[in-house]
Amino acid sequence: MKLLALDLGTKTGWALNSPDISGVRDFSIKRGESPGIKFLRFKGWLKEMLKIAYPDIVVFEQAHHRGGAATAVAYGFQAHLLSWCAEYGIEHLACHTGTLKKFATGKGNASKKAMMRAYSENFGREPVDDNECDARWLLEWAITELGLK
């Protein structure tokens, strides 16, 4: 079963289990560009992901109200993601932030630093940033949750 895990945001962390790769995709806009461009870039990138590994399930960290631009981006990306999943017949699974933190560290209110430390200890390397860290933990959580491990 192919899984794609996403930590949604302007810098979206992603992880695949087949092939086993992960990284970060930056959807930042350049000076003078419309704020909507990041959503178009995100939609285009999702289509690229179909070519790389047509996932059976997409797991993502649920958007929640943080306030400001980060919340708008997270909810916007989540809407596009759910639409994309429906269009291509891909199942999806959301994970609450507290659930993910507890899975990774044993504490539902773990800091980014604690998540990164747990990543290094578990995967034996440093993540690109906290976005890749969260995406990789989402992948591991989904594998465990779905009984694939």
N, C-alpha and C. Protein backbone atom coordinates (compact mmCIF):
# COMPACT_ATOMS: atom_id res chain seq x y z
N MET A 1 0.84 -1.18 0.00
CA MET A 1 0.00 0.00 0.00
C MET A 1 0.89 1.24 0.00
N LYS A 2 0.66 2.13 -0.96
CA LYS A 2 1.46 3.35 -1.06
C LYS A 2 0.82 4.47 -0.24
N LEU A 3 1.63 5.09 0.61
CA LEU A 3 1.17 6.17 1.46
C LEU A 3 1.94 7.44 1.13
N LEU A 4 1.23 8.56 1.16
CA LEU A 4 1.83 9.89 1.04
C LEU A 4 1.42 10.66 2.28
N ALA A 5 2.40 11.15 3.03
CA ALA A 5 2.14 11.93 4.24
C ALA A 5 2.50 13.38 3.98
N LEU A 6 1.63 14.30 4.42
CA LEU A 6 1.83 15.72 4.17
C LEU A 6 1.64 16.55 5.43
N ASP A 7 2.62 17.40 5.69
CA ASP A 7 2.49 18.44 6.72
C ASP A 7 2.23 19.73 5.95
N LEU A 8 0.96 20.11 5.85
CA LEU A 8 0.53 21.18 4.97
C LEU A 8 0.94 22.57 5.46
N GLY A 9 1.46 23.36 4.55
CA GLY A 9 1.83 24.73 4.84
C GLY A 9 2.59 25.31 3.66
N THR A 10 2.96 26.58 3.76
CA THR A 10 3.72 27.20 2.69
C THR A 10 4.96 26.36 2.40
N LYS A 11 5.60 25.87 3.44
CA LYS A 11 6.67 24.88 3.28
C LYS A 11 6.07 23.54 3.70
N THR A 12 5.66 22.77 2.72
CA THR A 12 4.98 21.49 2.96
C THR A 12 5.98 20.36 3.09
N GLY A 13 5.94 19.69 4.24
CA GLY A 13 6.74 18.50 4.42
C GLY A 13 6.01 17.33 3.80
N TRP A 14 6.76 16.41 3.20
CA TRP A 14 6.14 15.25 2.55
C TRP A 14 7.00 14.01 2.78
N ALA A 15 6.35 12.87 2.78
CA ALA A 15 7.04 11.59 2.92
C ALA A 15 6.25 10.51 2.20
N LEU A 16 6.97 9.64 1.52
CA LEU A 16 6.39 8.50 0.82
C LEU A 16 6.98 7.23 1.41
N ASN A 17 6.18 6.16 1.46
CA ASN A 17 6.72 4.89 1.92
C ASN A 17 7.20 4.02 0.74
N SER A 18 6.78 4.36 -0.47
CA SER A 18 7.17 3.57 -1.63
C SER A 18 7.27 4.46 -2.86
N PRO A 19 8.44 4.97 -3.22
CA PRO A 19 9.74 4.72 -2.60
C PRO A 19 9.87 5.46 -1.26
N ASP A 20 10.77 5.01 -0.43
CA ASP A 20 10.96 5.57 0.91
C ASP A 20 11.78 6.86 0.81
N ILE A 21 11.09 7.96 0.56
CA ILE A 21 11.75 9.26 0.43
C ILE A 21 10.91 10.33 1.12
N SER A 22 11.54 11.43 1.46
CA SER A 22 10.82 12.54 2.09
C SER A 22 11.56 13.83 1.80
N GLY A 23 10.89 14.94 2.07
CA GLY A 23 11.50 16.24 1.85
C GLY A 23 10.54 17.36 2.16
N VAL A 24 10.87 18.52 1.62
CA VAL A 24 10.06 19.73 1.84
C VAL A 24 9.88 20.42 0.49
N ARG A 25 8.68 20.88 0.23
CA ARG A 25 8.40 21.65 -0.98
C ARG A 25 7.95 23.06 -0.56
N ASP A 26 8.62 24.06 -1.06
CA ASP A 26 8.35 25.45 -0.70
C ASP A 26 7.42 26.09 -1.73
N PHE A 27 6.27 26.55 -1.28
CA PHE A 27 5.29 27.19 -2.14
C PHE A 27 5.22 28.70 -1.91
N SER A 28 6.28 29.28 -1.38
CA SER A 28 6.32 30.72 -1.13
C SER A 28 6.12 31.50 -2.42
N ILE A 29 5.49 32.65 -2.27
CA ILE A 29 5.29 33.51 -3.44
C ILE A 29 6.43 34.52 -3.52
N LYS A 30 6.66 34.98 -4.73
CA LYS A 30 7.68 35.98 -4.97
C LYS A 30 7.04 37.37 -4.96
N ARG A 31 7.85 38.36 -4.78
CA ARG A 31 7.37 39.74 -4.76
C ARG A 31 6.53 40.02 -6.02
N GLY A 32 5.36 40.58 -5.80
CA GLY A 32 4.48 40.95 -6.91
C GLY A 32 3.52 39.85 -7.35
N GLU A 33 3.69 38.64 -6.83
CA GLU A 33 2.79 37.54 -7.22
C GLU A 33 1.52 37.57 -6.36
N SER A 34 0.46 37.09 -6.94
CA SER A 34 -0.81 36.96 -6.22
C SER A 34 -0.67 35.90 -5.13
N PRO A 35 -1.28 36.13 -3.96
CA PRO A 35 -1.24 35.09 -2.91
C PRO A 35 -1.84 33.76 -3.36
N GLY A 36 -2.73 33.80 -4.35
CA GLY A 36 -3.35 32.57 -4.85
C GLY A 36 -2.40 31.67 -5.63
N ILE A 37 -1.26 32.21 -6.03
CA ILE A 37 -0.29 31.42 -6.80
C ILE A 37 0.18 30.20 -6.00
N LYS A 38 0.33 30.36 -4.69
CA LYS A 38 0.81 29.21 -3.90
C LYS A 38 -0.17 28.04 -3.97
N PHE A 39 -1.49 28.35 -4.08
CA PHE A 39 -2.48 27.28 -4.18
C PHE A 39 -2.40 26.59 -5.55
N LEU A 40 -2.16 27.38 -6.59
CA LEU A 40 -1.98 26.79 -7.92
C LEU A 40 -0.73 25.92 -7.97
N ARG A 41 0.35 26.39 -7.35
CA ARG A 41 1.58 25.59 -7.30
C ARG A 41 1.36 24.30 -6.53
N PHE A 42 0.62 24.38 -5.42
CA PHE A 42 0.33 23.19 -4.62
C PHE A 42 -0.47 22.18 -5.45
N LYS A 43 -1.50 22.64 -6.16
CA LYS A 43 -2.29 21.74 -7.00
C LYS A 43 -1.43 21.09 -8.09
N GLY A 44 -0.54 21.87 -8.70
CA GLY A 44 0.35 21.33 -9.72
C GLY A 44 1.30 20.29 -9.15
N TRP A 45 1.79 20.55 -7.94
CA TRP A 45 2.70 19.61 -7.29
C TRP A 45 1.99 18.30 -6.95
N LEU A 46 0.74 18.38 -6.54
CA LEU A 46 -0.02 17.15 -6.26
C LEU A 46 -0.10 16.28 -7.52
N LYS A 47 -0.30 16.90 -8.66
CA LYS A 47 -0.34 16.14 -9.92
C LYS A 47 1.01 15.49 -10.20
N GLU A 48 2.11 16.18 -9.85
CA GLU A 48 3.44 15.58 -9.99
C GLU A 48 3.57 14.35 -9.11
N MET A 49 2.99 14.42 -7.90
CA MET A 49 3.08 13.30 -6.96
C MET A 49 2.36 12.06 -7.50
N LEU A 50 1.34 12.27 -8.34
CA LEU A 50 0.67 11.12 -8.97
C LEU A 50 1.64 10.36 -9.85
N LYS A 51 2.51 11.08 -10.54
CA LYS A 51 3.49 10.44 -11.43
C LYS A 51 4.58 9.73 -10.65
N ILE A 52 4.98 10.30 -9.53
CA ILE A 52 6.05 9.71 -8.72
C ILE A 52 5.57 8.43 -8.04
N ALA A 53 4.44 8.53 -7.37
CA ALA A 53 3.91 7.36 -6.64
C ALA A 53 2.42 7.59 -6.41
N TYR A 54 1.60 7.03 -7.26
CA TYR A 54 0.15 7.18 -7.11
C TYR A 54 -0.25 6.57 -5.77
N PRO A 55 -0.48 7.41 -4.74
CA PRO A 55 -0.73 6.85 -3.41
C PRO A 55 -2.13 6.23 -3.28
N ASP A 56 -2.21 5.22 -2.44
CA ASP A 56 -3.51 4.64 -2.10
C ASP A 56 -4.20 5.48 -1.03
N ILE A 57 -3.37 6.02 -0.13
CA ILE A 57 -3.87 6.82 0.99
C ILE A 57 -2.96 8.02 1.19
N VAL A 58 -3.57 9.17 1.46
CA VAL A 58 -2.84 10.37 1.85
C VAL A 58 -3.17 10.64 3.31
N VAL A 59 -2.14 10.79 4.12
CA VAL A 59 -2.33 11.15 5.52
C VAL A 59 -1.79 12.57 5.69
N PHE A 60 -2.52 13.37 6.44
CA PHE A 60 -2.11 14.76 6.63
C PHE A 60 -2.43 15.23 8.04
N GLU A 61 -1.68 16.22 8.47
CA GLU A 61 -1.93 16.82 9.78
C GLU A 61 -3.11 17.77 9.62
N GLN A 62 -4.13 17.57 10.45
CA GLN A 62 -5.34 18.39 10.38
C GLN A 62 -5.00 19.86 10.55
N ALA A 63 -5.60 20.69 9.72
CA ALA A 63 -5.45 22.13 9.89
C ALA A 63 -6.22 22.53 11.16
N HIS A 64 -5.65 23.44 11.91
CA HIS A 64 -6.34 23.96 13.08
C HIS A 64 -6.08 25.44 13.20
N HIS A 65 -6.91 26.11 13.96
CA HIS A 65 -6.85 27.57 14.01
C HIS A 65 -5.64 28.05 14.80
N ARG A 66 -4.66 28.57 14.06
CA ARG A 66 -3.47 29.18 14.66
C ARG A 66 -3.57 30.69 14.55
N GLY A 67 -4.38 31.13 13.58
CA GLY A 67 -4.52 32.55 13.31
C GLY A 67 -3.63 33.00 12.18
N GLY A 68 -4.06 34.01 11.48
CA GLY A 68 -3.24 34.64 10.44
C GLY A 68 -3.09 33.83 9.18
N ALA A 69 -2.02 34.17 8.46
CA ALA A 69 -1.76 33.59 7.14
C ALA A 69 -1.53 32.09 7.20
N ALA A 70 -0.87 31.59 8.25
CA ALA A 70 -0.60 30.15 8.35
C ALA A 70 -1.89 29.34 8.37
N THR A 71 -2.89 29.83 9.06
CA THR A 71 -4.18 29.13 9.11
C THR A 71 -4.85 29.14 7.74
N ALA A 72 -4.84 30.28 7.07
CA ALA A 72 -5.45 30.37 5.74
C ALA A 72 -4.78 29.41 4.77
N VAL A 73 -3.47 29.33 4.80
CA VAL A 73 -2.74 28.43 3.90
C VAL A 73 -3.06 26.97 4.23
N ALA A 74 -3.01 26.62 5.51
CA ALA A 74 -3.27 25.23 5.91
C ALA A 74 -4.68 24.78 5.50
N TYR A 75 -5.68 25.61 5.76
CA TYR A 75 -7.05 25.26 5.37
C TYR A 75 -7.22 25.25 3.85
N GLY A 76 -6.57 26.19 3.17
CA GLY A 76 -6.65 26.21 1.70
C GLY A 76 -6.02 24.98 1.09
N PHE A 77 -4.84 24.61 1.57
CA PHE A 77 -4.18 23.41 1.06
C PHE A 77 -4.99 22.17 1.38
N GLN A 78 -5.58 22.13 2.57
CA GLN A 78 -6.39 20.97 2.95
C GLN A 78 -7.59 20.85 2.01
N ALA A 79 -8.23 21.95 1.67
CA ALA A 79 -9.37 21.91 0.75
C ALA A 79 -8.94 21.39 -0.62
N HIS A 80 -7.81 21.88 -1.13
CA HIS A 80 -7.31 21.40 -2.41
C HIS A 80 -6.92 19.93 -2.34
N LEU A 81 -6.32 19.52 -1.24
CA LEU A 81 -5.92 18.12 -1.07
C LEU A 81 -7.13 17.20 -1.07
N LEU A 82 -8.17 17.55 -0.33
CA LEU A 82 -9.36 16.70 -0.27
C LEU A 82 -10.05 16.63 -1.63
N SER A 83 -10.06 17.73 -2.35
CA SER A 83 -10.63 17.75 -3.70
C SER A 83 -9.83 16.84 -4.63
N TRP A 84 -8.51 16.92 -4.53
CA TRP A 84 -7.61 16.10 -5.35
C TRP A 84 -7.83 14.61 -5.05
N CYS A 85 -7.93 14.29 -3.76
CA CYS A 85 -8.18 12.89 -3.38
C CYS A 85 -9.50 12.39 -3.97
N ALA A 86 -10.53 13.21 -3.91
CA ALA A 86 -11.83 12.82 -4.47
C ALA A 86 -11.74 12.64 -5.98
N GLU A 87 -11.04 13.54 -6.64
CA GLU A 87 -10.91 13.48 -8.10
C GLU A 87 -10.21 12.21 -8.57
N TYR A 88 -9.19 11.76 -7.81
CA TYR A 88 -8.39 10.61 -8.24
C TYR A 88 -8.69 9.33 -7.46
N GLY A 89 -9.74 9.35 -6.64
CA GLY A 89 -10.13 8.14 -5.92
C GLY A 89 -9.12 7.70 -4.88
N ILE A 90 -8.49 8.66 -4.23
CA ILE A 90 -7.47 8.37 -3.22
C ILE A 90 -8.07 8.56 -1.83
N GLU A 91 -7.90 7.56 -0.98
CA GLU A 91 -8.38 7.67 0.40
C GLU A 91 -7.52 8.68 1.16
N HIS A 92 -8.08 9.24 2.23
CA HIS A 92 -7.31 10.18 3.04
C HIS A 92 -7.58 9.95 4.52
N LEU A 93 -6.61 10.33 5.32
CA LEU A 93 -6.66 10.13 6.76
C LEU A 93 -6.03 11.33 7.43
N ALA A 94 -6.76 11.98 8.32
CA ALA A 94 -6.25 13.15 9.03
C ALA A 94 -5.76 12.75 10.41
N CYS A 95 -4.74 13.45 10.87
CA CYS A 95 -4.19 13.20 12.20
C CYS A 95 -4.11 14.53 12.96
N HIS A 96 -4.61 14.54 14.17
CA HIS A 96 -4.56 15.73 15.01
C HIS A 96 -3.12 15.96 15.47
N THR A 97 -2.73 17.20 15.60
CA THR A 97 -1.37 17.56 16.01
C THR A 97 -0.98 16.90 17.33
N GLY A 98 -1.86 16.94 18.31
CA GLY A 98 -1.56 16.33 19.62
C GLY A 98 -1.36 14.83 19.52
N THR A 99 -2.13 14.18 18.68
CA THR A 99 -1.99 12.74 18.47
C THR A 99 -0.63 12.42 17.86
N LEU A 100 -0.21 13.22 16.89
CA LEU A 100 1.07 13.02 16.23
C LEU A 100 2.23 13.23 17.21
N LYS A 101 2.14 14.29 18.00
CA LYS A 101 3.20 14.59 18.97
C LYS A 101 3.31 13.47 20.01
N LYS A 102 2.17 12.98 20.47
CA LYS A 102 2.19 11.89 21.45
C LYS A 102 2.78 10.62 20.85
N PHE A 103 2.44 10.33 19.60
CA PHE A 103 2.98 9.16 18.91
C PHE A 103 4.50 9.25 18.81
N ALA A 104 5.00 10.42 18.44
CA ALA A 104 6.43 10.60 18.20
C ALA A 104 7.26 10.69 19.48
N THR A 105 6.72 11.35 20.49
CA THR A 105 7.52 11.66 21.69
C THR A 105 6.95 11.12 23.00
N GLY A 106 5.70 10.71 22.98
CA GLY A 106 5.04 10.29 24.21
C GLY A 106 4.33 11.44 24.92
N LYS A 107 4.47 12.67 24.40
CA LYS A 107 3.82 13.84 24.99
C LYS A 107 3.02 14.56 23.90
N GLY A 108 1.74 14.77 24.18
CA GLY A 108 0.86 15.42 23.21
C GLY A 108 1.11 16.90 23.01
N ASN A 109 1.93 17.48 23.88
CA ASN A 109 2.24 18.91 23.73
C ASN A 109 3.74 19.12 23.49
N ALA A 110 4.39 18.16 22.88
CA ALA A 110 5.83 18.21 22.64
C ALA A 110 6.20 19.42 21.77
N SER A 111 7.35 19.96 22.02
CA SER A 111 7.86 21.09 21.24
C SER A 111 8.42 20.61 19.90
N LYS A 112 8.66 21.56 19.00
CA LYS A 112 9.29 21.22 17.72
C LYS A 112 10.67 20.62 17.97
N LYS A 113 11.37 21.15 18.95
CA LYS A 113 12.71 20.65 19.28
C LYS A 113 12.64 19.19 19.71
N ALA A 114 11.65 18.84 20.53
CA ALA A 114 11.49 17.46 20.99
C ALA A 114 11.12 16.54 19.82
N MET A 115 10.29 17.04 18.91
CA MET A 115 9.91 16.24 17.73
C MET A 115 11.14 15.98 16.86
N MET A 116 11.98 17.00 16.69
CA MET A 116 13.18 16.86 15.87
C MET A 116 14.18 15.89 16.53
N ARG A 117 14.30 15.98 17.84
CA ARG A 117 15.21 15.07 18.57
C ARG A 117 14.73 13.63 18.42
N ALA A 118 13.42 13.41 18.57
CA ALA A 118 12.86 12.06 18.42
C ALA A 118 13.07 11.54 16.99
N TYR A 119 12.97 12.43 16.03
CA TYR A 119 13.21 12.05 14.63
C TYR A 119 14.63 11.54 14.45
N SER A 120 15.58 12.33 14.93
CA SER A 120 17.00 11.96 14.80
C SER A 120 17.28 10.62 15.46
N GLU A 121 16.72 10.42 16.65
CA GLU A 121 16.93 9.17 17.38
C GLU A 121 16.28 7.99 16.66
N ASN A 122 15.11 8.19 16.10
CA ASN A 122 14.36 7.09 15.47
C ASN A 122 14.86 6.77 14.06
N PHE A 123 15.17 7.81 13.27
CA PHE A 123 15.51 7.60 11.87
C PHE A 123 17.00 7.68 11.57
N GLY A 124 17.80 8.06 12.57
CA GLY A 124 19.25 8.05 12.42
C GLY A 124 19.82 9.13 11.52
N ARG A 125 19.06 10.18 11.30
CA ARG A 125 19.54 11.32 10.51
C ARG A 125 18.74 12.56 10.90
N GLU A 126 19.25 13.70 10.51
CA GLU A 126 18.57 14.96 10.78
C GLU A 126 17.55 15.23 9.66
N PRO A 127 16.36 15.73 9.99
CA PRO A 127 15.42 16.11 8.94
C PRO A 127 15.83 17.43 8.32
N VAL A 128 15.30 17.72 7.14
CA VAL A 128 15.55 19.01 6.48
C VAL A 128 15.12 20.14 7.42
N ASP A 129 13.92 20.01 7.96
CA ASP A 129 13.37 20.98 8.91
C ASP A 129 12.19 20.34 9.63
N ASP A 130 11.47 21.13 10.41
CA ASP A 130 10.34 20.59 11.18
C ASP A 130 9.20 20.11 10.28
N ASN A 131 9.12 20.61 9.07
CA ASN A 131 8.07 20.18 8.15
C ASN A 131 8.30 18.75 7.66
N GLU A 132 9.54 18.45 7.27
CA GLU A 132 9.87 17.07 6.88
C GLU A 132 9.72 16.16 8.10
N CYS A 133 10.15 16.64 9.25
CA CYS A 133 10.04 15.87 10.50
C CYS A 133 8.59 15.44 10.73
N ASP A 134 7.68 16.39 10.67
CA ASP A 134 6.27 16.08 10.91
C ASP A 134 5.71 15.14 9.84
N ALA A 135 6.09 15.35 8.59
CA ALA A 135 5.59 14.48 7.51
C ALA A 135 6.06 13.05 7.73
N ARG A 136 7.31 12.88 8.10
CA ARG A 136 7.85 11.53 8.33
C ARG A 136 7.15 10.86 9.51
N TRP A 137 6.89 11.64 10.58
CA TRP A 137 6.16 11.08 11.71
C TRP A 137 4.72 10.74 11.32
N LEU A 138 4.11 11.56 10.46
CA LEU A 138 2.77 11.25 9.97
C LEU A 138 2.75 9.92 9.22
N LEU A 139 3.78 9.71 8.41
CA LEU A 139 3.89 8.45 7.68
C LEU A 139 3.99 7.27 8.64
N GLU A 140 4.85 7.38 9.64
CA GLU A 140 5.02 6.31 10.63
C GLU A 140 3.73 6.08 11.41
N TRP A 141 3.05 7.17 11.78
CA TRP A 141 1.78 7.06 12.51
C TRP A 141 0.76 6.30 11.65
N ALA A 142 0.65 6.66 10.38
CA ALA A 142 -0.32 6.01 9.49
C ALA A 142 0.00 4.53 9.30
N ILE A 143 1.28 4.21 9.14
CA ILE A 143 1.69 2.81 8.99
C ILE A 143 1.26 2.01 10.22
N THR A 144 1.46 2.58 11.39
CA THR A 144 1.07 1.92 12.64
C THR A 144 -0.45 1.86 12.76
N GLU A 145 -1.10 2.98 12.50
CA GLU A 145 -2.57 3.08 12.62
C GLU A 145 -3.28 2.10 11.69
N LEU A 146 -2.73 1.92 10.51
CA LEU A 146 -3.35 1.03 9.50
C LEU A 146 -2.88 -0.42 9.62
N GLY A 147 -2.03 -0.67 10.58
CA GLY A 147 -1.54 -2.04 10.80
C GLY A 147 -0.63 -2.55 9.70
N LEU A 148 0.14 -1.66 9.09
CA LEU A 148 1.03 -2.06 7.99
C LEU A 148 2.43 -2.42 8.47
N LYS A 149 2.67 -2.29 9.76
CA LYS A 149 4.02 -2.55 10.29
C LYS A 149 4.01 -3.78 11.14
